Amino acid sequence: MSAPVLTEPLAGLDDLSVWPASTARLPGGDLSVGGVSLAGLADRFGTPAYVLDEDEVRSRCRAYRAAFPEAQVLYAAKAFLSRAMARWIDEEGLGLDVCSVGELELAHAAGFPPERMVLHGNAKTPRDIETALRLGAGRIVVDSPSEIARIAALTGPEGRQKVMVRVVPGVSAGGHEKIRTGTDGQKLGLSLTDGSAQHAIARVLGQPQLELTGLHCHIGSQITDVKPYLVAVRRMVGLMARVKDSHGVTFPELDMGGGHGVAYRPGEPALDLTALARRLGAELATGCAAAGLPVPRLAIEPGRAIAGPAGVALYRVLSVKHTGPNLFVAVDGGMSDNPRPALYGARYAPRLIGRAATAGPVAATVVGRHCEAGDVLASDVLLPGDIRSGDLLAVPVAGAYQVSMASAYNLVGRPPVVAVHEGTARLLIRRETQEDLRRRDIGA
């Protein structure tokens, strides 16, 4: 049974609104990004592969700097990090939010200034903390009471480390329950509601090795509405006012985290950066004035909003199968290189590249190669009715939380990352080979 052919014209599959700004149509149904043919990249580097547009990354960094000229903008490395990415972020004047010794060491190897790094994490290992102290990380964010004495002890009696306290403000926001981090009852941060945050602040202030520069909160990810940030900032200002009354301390910094949502498919909402900057700044100034506080320097931590729209994933179709009314298009990647659909129900808009389609669009589900019924990359999407084995599919908005969350499930090596810039392509991260996987297995 063939899949139903839809009446929507093929032009409906040609919307490039969520692609990098450099994306251009080429003859024969191909696309270029950064001046480089995507089909040509697939032939040169193989598939699956990730393409990262350097200019898109840099332009998004500059957009943040322009919208928040007085704030500290920290790129959230967990979205995607490589030595090249760290260099671009550094050159664009952003700081770096890291969560592990691996991210710390890689950024340091790339020459990133440690004083512009902030270490996060709800369960920092001793090595995480020791490395941050050794490298001279600018801030460490305290996420639990046990970290306070640990950081102080590792700092030493003669040392001094700047820290912040991560507060859970009781604000629910985010695209999926697993990425809502501003509410009580989850593992991250210290609750404002039960007094844990206030108790931790008092303990930090009692440690001479620690300099409490301010408060931190992160309410969730893939947020497209400004309002939850305004509620959060009001609660953070209220806490700052209580700290001033109780301890006579005013904080010079306030980190409102990230979670800025992007559109993954044409027509989806994205967070309005200009509106966020204007309204967040106004809310902070008004609240501080009412509380008799000086306005702290704001910090924000975009990750997905910088890396996500700069990336494109490339796959080759392995099989096309009709099962009842369903059309399954299986590709040579899957949940090992993009677990987000399985984890969060993320939805993408894949597109045929490398040849012109001749058939009308049909409803299809793009699935991966792994032995899991849940290995679905894109469900209920439109693809040309003549889709066939050997075709190439390109998936936009693939720059965040895909390579960084990739695994070697089924012993399938992780894909390469290729940077494109002004008509040239260069390999940033090579493909993980079968030899790499074998060399890790040292048992007999």
Protein backbone atom coordinates (compact mmCIF):
# COMPACT_ATOMS: atom_id res chain seq x y z
CA MET A 1 0.00 0.00 0.00
CA SER A 2 1.41 3.39 -0.94
CA ALA A 3 1.43 6.34 1.43
CA PRO A 4 -1.26 8.97 0.86
CA VAL A 5 -0.13 11.74 -1.47
CA LEU A 6 -0.99 15.12 0.02
CA THR A 7 -2.34 18.05 -1.89
CA GLU A 8 0.21 20.50 -0.46
CA PRO A 9 2.56 21.63 -3.26
CA LEU A 10 6.24 20.76 -3.24
CA ALA A 11 6.92 24.42 -2.54
CA GLY A 12 5.67 23.69 0.97
CA LEU A 13 8.79 21.58 1.47
CA ASP A 14 11.04 24.45 0.40
CA ASP A 15 10.74 26.69 3.48
CA LEU A 16 14.26 27.64 4.64
CA SER A 17 13.20 29.88 7.54
CA VAL A 18 14.82 27.69 10.21
CA TRP A 19 18.03 27.08 8.25
CA PRO A 20 21.29 29.04 8.68
CA ALA A 21 21.12 32.47 7.08
CA SER A 22 23.79 31.45 4.56
CA THR A 23 21.64 28.62 3.15
CA ALA A 24 21.10 28.88 -0.60
CA ARG A 25 19.32 26.76 -3.17
CA LEU A 26 21.48 25.08 -5.80
CA PRO A 27 20.49 23.50 -9.14
CA GLY A 28 19.28 19.94 -9.01
CA GLY A 29 17.63 20.19 -5.60
CA ASP A 30 20.80 20.67 -3.55
CA LEU A 31 21.44 23.29 -0.87
CA SER A 32 24.60 25.07 0.17
CA VAL A 33 25.44 26.27 3.67
CA GLY A 34 28.35 28.61 4.21
CA GLY A 35 28.91 28.52 0.46
CA VAL A 36 29.46 24.74 0.42
CA SER A 37 27.20 22.12 -1.20
CA LEU A 38 25.59 19.82 1.36
CA ALA A 39 25.52 16.92 -1.09
CA GLY A 40 29.19 17.53 -1.76
CA LEU A 41 29.90 17.42 1.98
CA ALA A 42 28.04 14.11 2.26
CA ASP A 43 30.18 12.67 -0.54
CA ARG A 44 33.40 14.00 0.95
CA PHE A 45 32.89 13.20 4.64
CA GLY A 46 30.28 10.44 4.51
CA THR A 47 27.06 10.19 6.47
CA PRO A 48 25.80 10.66 9.08
CA ALA A 49 27.63 13.95 9.48
CA TYR A 50 27.08 17.27 11.17
CA VAL A 51 27.71 20.58 9.42
CA LEU A 52 28.29 23.71 11.50
CA ASP A 53 28.09 27.18 9.94
CA GLU A 54 30.78 29.32 11.59
CA ASP A 55 29.21 32.58 10.43
CA GLU A 56 25.85 31.60 11.93
CA VAL A 57 27.50 30.89 15.28
CA ARG A 58 29.33 34.21 15.23
CA SER A 59 26.30 36.24 14.13
CA ARG A 60 24.22 34.76 16.96
CA CYS A 61 26.96 35.62 19.46
CA ARG A 62 26.95 39.18 18.16
CA ALA A 63 23.17 39.37 18.37
CA TYR A 64 23.39 38.51 22.07
CA ARG A 65 26.15 41.03 22.68
CA ALA A 66 24.07 43.71 20.94
CA ALA A 67 20.89 42.87 22.84
CA PHE A 68 22.68 42.66 26.22
CA PRO A 69 25.55 45.17 25.91
CA GLU A 70 26.04 45.52 29.68
CA ALA A 71 25.48 41.88 30.60
CA GLN A 72 27.87 38.95 30.71
CA VAL A 73 26.86 36.47 28.02
CA LEU A 74 28.07 32.94 28.74
CA TYR A 75 27.81 30.25 26.09
CA ALA A 76 26.48 27.00 27.58
CA ALA A 77 29.10 24.48 26.46
CA LYS A 78 26.87 21.48 27.06
CA ALA A 79 24.93 22.36 23.88
CA PHE A 80 28.03 21.67 21.78
CA LEU A 81 31.73 22.19 22.45
CA SER A 82 34.86 21.73 20.39
CA ARG A 83 38.15 23.58 20.34
CA ALA A 84 37.02 25.57 17.32
CA MET A 85 33.73 26.44 18.99
CA ALA A 86 35.58 27.62 22.11
CA ARG A 87 37.80 29.82 19.94
CA TRP A 88 34.82 31.38 18.13
CA ILE A 89 33.06 32.06 21.43
CA ASP A 90 36.23 33.62 22.84
CA GLU A 91 36.79 35.82 19.79
CA GLU A 92 33.19 37.04 19.97
CA GLY A 93 33.70 38.12 23.59
CA LEU A 94 31.43 35.62 25.35
CA GLY A 95 32.12 33.70 28.52
CA LEU A 96 31.76 29.93 28.85
CA ASP A 97 29.46 27.91 31.10
CA VAL A 98 30.99 24.46 31.69
CA CYS A 99 29.79 21.42 33.65
CA SER A 100 32.73 19.02 33.91
CA VAL A 101 36.48 18.61 33.96
CA GLY A 102 36.24 17.50 30.32
CA GLU A 103 34.67 20.78 29.23
CA LEU A 104 37.07 22.75 31.43
CA GLU A 105 40.14 21.03 30.01
CA LEU A 106 39.02 21.19 26.39
CA ALA A 107 38.26 24.92 26.64
CA HIS A 108 41.59 25.48 28.36
CA ALA A 109 43.40 23.55 25.61
CA ALA A 110 41.74 25.85 23.09
CA GLY A 111 43.15 28.87 24.92
CA PHE A 112 39.86 30.06 26.41
CA PRO A 113 40.47 32.55 29.27
CA PRO A 114 39.66 30.68 32.51
CA GLU A 115 38.47 33.83 34.26
CA ARG A 116 35.56 33.89 31.80
CA MET A 117 34.52 30.32 32.67
CA VAL A 118 31.76 29.39 35.12
CA LEU A 119 31.56 25.85 36.51
CA HIS A 120 28.07 24.39 37.03
CA GLY A 121 26.80 20.96 38.02
CA ASN A 122 24.57 19.43 40.68
CA ALA A 123 27.15 16.74 41.55
CA LYS A 124 30.62 18.14 40.96
CA THR A 125 33.39 15.62 41.44
CA PRO A 126 36.49 16.55 43.46
CA ARG A 127 38.38 16.58 40.17
CA ASP A 128 35.87 19.02 38.64
CA ILE A 129 36.40 21.43 41.52
CA GLU A 130 40.17 20.93 41.70
CA THR A 131 40.52 21.59 37.97
CA ALA A 132 38.38 24.72 38.15
CA LEU A 133 40.52 26.03 41.00
CA ARG A 134 43.79 25.07 39.31
CA LEU A 135 42.85 26.73 36.03
CA GLY A 136 41.43 29.81 37.75
CA ALA A 137 37.78 29.54 36.72
CA GLY A 138 35.99 32.82 37.28
CA ARG A 139 33.00 31.39 39.16
CA ILE A 140 31.82 28.13 40.68
CA VAL A 141 28.07 27.78 41.12
CA VAL A 142 27.11 26.12 44.42
CA ASP A 143 24.34 23.60 43.82
CA SER A 144 24.13 21.77 47.16
CA PRO A 145 25.09 22.39 50.81
CA SER A 146 27.82 19.73 50.76
CA GLU A 147 29.68 21.61 48.04
CA ILE A 148 30.24 24.64 50.24
CA ALA A 149 32.73 23.06 52.64
CA ARG A 150 34.26 21.02 49.81
CA ILE A 151 35.02 24.04 47.65
CA ALA A 152 36.32 25.97 50.64
CA ALA A 153 38.61 23.12 51.69
CA LEU A 154 40.00 22.63 48.20
CA THR A 155 40.54 26.38 47.86
CA GLY A 156 42.82 26.26 50.91
CA PRO A 157 43.30 28.69 53.81
CA GLU A 158 45.17 31.22 51.68
CA GLY A 159 42.93 30.96 48.65
CA ARG A 160 39.88 32.91 47.55
CA GLN A 161 37.28 31.66 45.08
CA LYS A 162 34.30 33.52 43.68
CA VAL A 163 31.08 31.53 43.88
CA MET A 164 27.36 31.91 43.22
CA VAL A 165 24.41 30.03 44.76
CA ARG A 166 21.96 28.36 42.41
CA VAL A 167 18.42 29.11 43.52
CA VAL A 168 15.25 27.26 42.48
CA PRO A 169 12.73 30.12 42.17
CA GLY A 170 9.60 27.98 41.81
CA VAL A 171 8.90 28.84 38.18
CA SER A 172 7.77 26.18 35.72
CA ALA A 173 8.98 26.75 32.16
CA GLY A 174 10.40 24.68 29.34
CA GLY A 175 9.47 22.60 26.34
CA HIS A 176 9.39 19.24 28.18
CA GLU A 177 9.08 18.14 31.80
CA LYS A 178 12.61 16.70 31.74
CA ILE A 179 14.12 20.12 30.99
CA ARG A 180 12.09 22.20 33.47
CA THR A 181 14.59 23.10 36.15
CA GLY A 182 12.97 26.04 37.93
CA THR A 183 10.56 24.06 40.11
CA ASP A 184 10.92 22.27 43.42
CA GLY A 185 11.19 18.50 43.52
CA GLN A 186 14.00 18.06 40.99
CA LYS A 187 17.72 17.56 41.45
CA LEU A 188 19.10 20.96 40.50
CA GLY A 189 19.64 23.97 42.73
CA LEU A 190 18.50 25.03 46.19
CA SER A 191 14.87 25.77 46.94
CA LEU A 192 13.64 29.25 47.70
CA THR A 193 10.41 27.78 49.08
CA ASP A 194 11.82 25.56 51.83
CA GLY A 195 14.64 27.91 52.85
CA SER A 196 17.48 25.79 51.46
CA ALA A 197 18.76 28.66 49.34
CA GLN A 198 18.77 31.10 52.25
CA HIS A 199 20.58 28.59 54.47
CA ALA A 200 23.23 27.96 51.80
CA ILE A 201 23.77 31.69 51.32
CA ALA A 202 24.38 32.11 55.05
CA ARG A 203 26.85 29.21 55.06
CA VAL A 204 28.78 30.59 52.09
CA LEU A 205 29.00 34.01 53.71
CA GLY A 206 30.57 32.30 56.73
CA GLN A 207 33.41 30.81 54.64
CA PRO A 208 36.36 33.23 54.39
CA GLN A 209 37.77 31.34 51.38
CA LEU A 210 34.61 31.96 49.36
CA GLU A 211 33.45 35.23 47.86
CA LEU A 212 29.72 35.16 47.16
CA THR A 213 29.32 37.41 44.12
CA GLY A 214 25.64 36.76 43.49
CA LEU A 215 22.80 34.39 42.79
CA HIS A 216 22.08 32.09 39.89
CA CYS A 217 18.91 30.50 38.57
CA HIS A 218 17.96 28.51 35.50
CA ILE A 219 14.26 27.83 35.03
CA GLY A 220 14.28 25.43 32.08
CA SER A 221 15.12 24.94 28.43
CA GLN A 222 13.44 25.58 25.09
CA ILE A 223 11.44 28.48 26.59
CA THR A 224 9.75 30.73 24.02
CA ASP A 225 7.86 33.13 26.33
CA VAL A 226 9.48 36.05 28.18
CA LYS A 227 7.01 35.98 31.10
CA PRO A 228 8.58 33.11 33.13
CA TYR A 229 11.89 35.00 33.18
CA LEU A 230 10.15 38.08 34.58
CA VAL A 231 8.54 36.05 37.36
CA ALA A 232 11.91 34.49 38.16
CA VAL A 233 13.76 37.78 38.29
CA ARG A 234 11.15 39.23 40.66
CA ARG A 235 11.66 36.32 43.04
CA MET A 236 15.44 36.60 42.81
CA VAL A 237 15.30 40.32 43.61
CA GLY A 238 13.07 39.51 46.57
CA LEU A 239 15.67 37.06 47.84
CA MET A 240 18.47 39.59 47.35
CA ALA A 241 16.50 42.09 49.41
CA ARG A 242 16.07 39.57 52.23
CA VAL A 243 19.80 38.80 52.17
CA LYS A 244 20.56 42.48 52.49
CA ASP A 245 18.19 42.78 55.46
CA SER A 246 19.54 39.64 57.15
CA HIS A 247 23.26 39.92 56.42
CA GLY A 248 23.86 43.47 55.22
CA VAL A 249 25.21 42.11 51.92
CA THR A 250 24.36 43.29 48.42
CA PHE A 251 25.28 41.18 45.42
CA PRO A 252 27.00 42.65 42.36
CA GLU A 253 25.87 39.84 40.02
CA LEU A 254 22.70 37.99 39.03
CA ASP A 255 22.81 35.08 36.58
CA MET A 256 19.41 34.30 35.04
CA GLY A 257 20.59 31.22 33.14
CA GLY A 258 19.55 30.35 29.62
CA GLY A 259 17.00 28.03 28.07
CA HIS A 260 16.17 30.38 25.22
CA GLY A 261 13.95 28.52 22.79
CA VAL A 262 14.46 28.21 19.03
CA ALA A 263 12.18 27.07 16.21
CA TYR A 264 12.97 23.58 14.98
CA ARG A 265 10.36 23.61 12.22
CA PRO A 266 8.94 26.43 10.09
CA GLY A 267 6.16 28.27 11.86
CA GLU A 268 7.20 27.32 15.39
CA PRO A 269 7.77 30.09 17.96
CA ALA A 270 11.19 31.18 19.17
CA LEU A 271 12.15 33.38 22.09
CA ASP A 272 12.27 37.05 21.08
CA LEU A 273 15.78 38.08 22.13
CA THR A 274 15.13 41.81 21.84
CA ALA A 275 11.97 41.58 23.93
CA LEU A 276 13.76 39.43 26.52
CA ALA A 277 16.59 41.94 26.90
CA ARG A 278 14.27 44.94 27.13
CA ARG A 279 11.74 43.47 29.53
CA LEU A 280 14.23 41.59 31.70
CA GLY A 281 16.35 44.71 32.11
CA ALA A 282 13.32 46.83 32.96
CA GLU A 283 11.99 44.28 35.46
CA LEU A 284 15.36 44.04 37.18
CA ALA A 285 15.77 47.82 37.41
CA THR A 286 12.23 48.35 38.71
CA GLY A 287 12.50 45.58 41.28
CA CYS A 288 15.87 46.75 42.58
CA ALA A 289 14.66 50.33 42.85
CA ALA A 290 11.63 49.25 44.86
CA ALA A 291 13.81 47.14 47.16
CA GLY A 292 16.48 49.81 47.58
CA LEU A 293 19.13 47.64 45.93
CA PRO A 294 21.81 48.54 43.41
CA VAL A 295 21.15 46.87 40.06
CA PRO A 296 23.48 43.87 39.77
CA ARG A 297 25.28 43.01 36.57
CA LEU A 298 23.15 40.55 34.66
CA ALA A 299 24.50 37.30 33.23
CA ILE A 300 22.73 34.96 30.80
CA GLU A 301 23.69 31.55 29.43
CA PRO A 302 22.44 30.79 25.90
CA GLY A 303 23.57 27.51 24.39
CA ARG A 304 20.96 26.05 22.06
CA ALA A 305 20.06 29.53 20.76
CA ILE A 306 23.63 29.98 19.49
CA ALA A 307 24.61 26.48 18.36
CA GLY A 308 21.28 24.91 17.41
CA PRO A 309 20.31 26.88 14.30
CA ALA A 310 23.93 26.82 13.07
CA GLY A 311 23.97 23.05 12.61
CA VAL A 312 22.67 20.71 9.90
CA ALA A 313 22.63 16.92 10.10
CA LEU A 314 23.17 14.85 6.95
CA TYR A 315 21.85 11.30 6.51
CA ARG A 316 21.61 8.78 3.70
CA VAL A 317 18.42 6.82 3.19
CA LEU A 318 18.95 3.08 3.62
CA SER A 319 15.43 1.80 3.03
CA VAL A 320 11.87 2.89 2.36
CA LYS A 321 9.15 0.64 3.76
CA HIS A 322 5.37 0.73 3.75
CA THR A 323 3.75 -0.80 6.82
CA GLY A 324 -0.01 -0.50 6.51
CA PRO A 325 -0.75 3.19 6.08
CA ASN A 326 2.70 4.20 7.38
CA LEU A 327 5.73 5.09 5.30
CA PHE A 328 9.02 4.52 7.11
CA VAL A 329 12.17 6.10 5.73
CA ALA A 330 15.19 4.56 7.46
CA VAL A 331 18.51 6.41 7.50
CA ASP A 332 22.07 5.55 8.47
CA GLY A 333 21.94 7.42 11.79
CA GLY A 334 19.44 7.52 14.61
CA MET A 335 19.19 7.82 18.35
CA SER A 336 22.94 7.26 18.75
CA ASP A 337 23.66 10.60 17.10
CA ASN A 338 20.42 12.36 18.10
CA PRO A 339 18.63 11.04 21.20
CA ARG A 340 16.43 14.14 21.57
CA PRO A 341 13.31 12.75 19.84
CA ALA A 342 13.41 9.65 22.06
CA LEU A 343 14.15 11.64 25.22
CA TYR A 344 12.03 14.74 24.76
CA GLY A 345 9.72 14.14 21.84
CA ALA A 346 11.70 16.68 19.77
CA ARG A 347 10.40 17.26 16.25
CA TYR A 348 12.44 18.12 13.16
CA ALA A 349 11.86 18.99 9.50
CA PRO A 350 14.13 16.84 7.28
CA ARG A 351 14.50 17.74 3.63
CA LEU A 352 15.58 15.85 0.51
CA ILE A 353 18.81 17.25 -0.98
CA GLY A 354 21.05 16.32 -3.87
CA ARG A 355 18.36 15.76 -6.49
CA ALA A 356 15.10 17.29 -7.60
CA ALA A 357 11.92 15.51 -6.51
CA THR A 358 9.34 14.70 -9.16
CA ALA A 359 6.51 13.35 -6.98
CA GLY A 360 4.17 15.18 -4.66
CA PRO A 361 4.70 15.21 -0.89
CA VAL A 362 3.63 12.31 1.30
CA ALA A 363 3.46 11.83 5.05
CA ALA A 364 6.44 9.85 6.33
CA THR A 365 8.31 8.92 9.48
CA VAL A 366 12.09 9.10 9.39
CA VAL A 367 13.58 6.38 11.57
CA GLY A 368 17.06 5.39 12.60
CA ARG A 369 19.06 2.19 12.19
CA HIS A 370 19.01 1.03 15.82
CA CYS A 371 17.15 -1.91 17.31
CA GLU A 372 14.59 0.20 19.14
CA ALA A 373 10.99 0.94 18.20
CA GLY A 374 11.56 4.39 19.69
CA ASP A 375 14.46 5.16 17.35
CA VAL A 376 12.51 7.82 15.45
CA LEU A 377 14.21 10.97 14.16
CA ALA A 378 11.19 12.75 12.69
CA SER A 379 7.58 11.65 12.76
CA ASP A 380 4.70 12.78 10.54
CA VAL A 381 6.82 14.86 8.18
CA LEU A 382 6.36 15.63 4.50
CA LEU A 383 8.83 14.13 2.04
CA PRO A 384 8.61 13.71 -1.74
CA GLY A 385 6.64 10.62 -2.73
CA ASP A 386 9.55 9.34 -4.81
CA ILE A 387 11.92 9.13 -1.82
CA ARG A 388 14.18 6.10 -2.26
CA SER A 389 17.26 4.31 -0.97
CA GLY A 390 20.45 6.24 -1.56
CA ASP A 391 18.79 9.65 -1.24
CA LEU A 392 20.23 12.28 1.08
CA LEU A 393 18.25 13.96 3.84
CA ALA A 394 19.36 17.14 5.59
CA VAL A 395 17.94 18.15 8.98
CA PRO A 396 18.26 21.79 10.10
CA VAL A 397 18.62 23.11 13.67
CA ALA A 398 20.93 20.22 14.50
CA GLY A 399 23.78 22.07 16.20
CA ALA A 400 22.77 21.63 19.84
CA TYR A 401 22.35 18.59 22.10
CA GLN A 402 22.96 16.09 19.33
CA VAL A 403 26.72 15.61 18.94
CA SER A 404 27.14 16.45 22.64
CA MET A 405 24.64 13.73 23.66
CA ALA A 406 25.69 11.15 21.07
CA SER A 407 26.60 7.60 22.06
CA ALA A 408 28.10 4.48 20.51
CA TYR A 409 24.89 2.45 20.86
CA ASN A 410 25.04 -0.77 18.82
CA LEU A 411 28.76 0.09 18.46
CA VAL A 412 27.94 2.63 15.78
CA GLY A 413 30.63 5.32 15.83
CA ARG A 414 29.70 8.94 16.42
CA PRO A 415 29.52 11.21 13.35
CA PRO A 416 32.06 13.86 12.36
CA VAL A 417 31.52 17.60 12.68
CA VAL A 418 32.45 19.73 9.68
CA ALA A 419 32.70 23.53 9.81
CA VAL A 420 31.79 25.59 6.77
CA HIS A 421 32.87 29.17 6.21
CA GLU A 422 33.02 31.33 3.08
CA GLY A 423 32.99 28.42 0.64
CA THR A 424 35.41 26.16 2.48
CA ALA A 425 34.90 23.15 4.71
CA ARG A 426 37.18 21.72 7.37
CA LEU A 427 36.88 18.83 9.78
CA LEU A 428 36.45 19.84 13.44
CA ILE A 429 35.75 16.40 14.95
CA ARG A 430 36.57 13.25 13.00
CA ARG A 431 34.26 10.28 12.72
CA GLU A 432 34.58 7.72 15.51
CA THR A 433 35.85 4.54 13.88
CA GLN A 434 35.47 0.85 14.63
CA GLU A 435 39.14 0.87 15.57
CA ASP A 436 38.43 3.58 18.19
CA LEU A 437 35.73 1.39 19.69
CA ARG A 438 37.88 -1.74 19.66
CA ARG A 439 40.83 0.01 21.33
CA ARG A 440 38.67 0.95 24.32
CA ASP A 441 37.84 -2.70 24.94
CA ILE A 442 40.99 -3.99 26.65
CA GLY A 443 39.53 -7.08 28.29
CA ALA A 444 40.15 -10.63 27.19
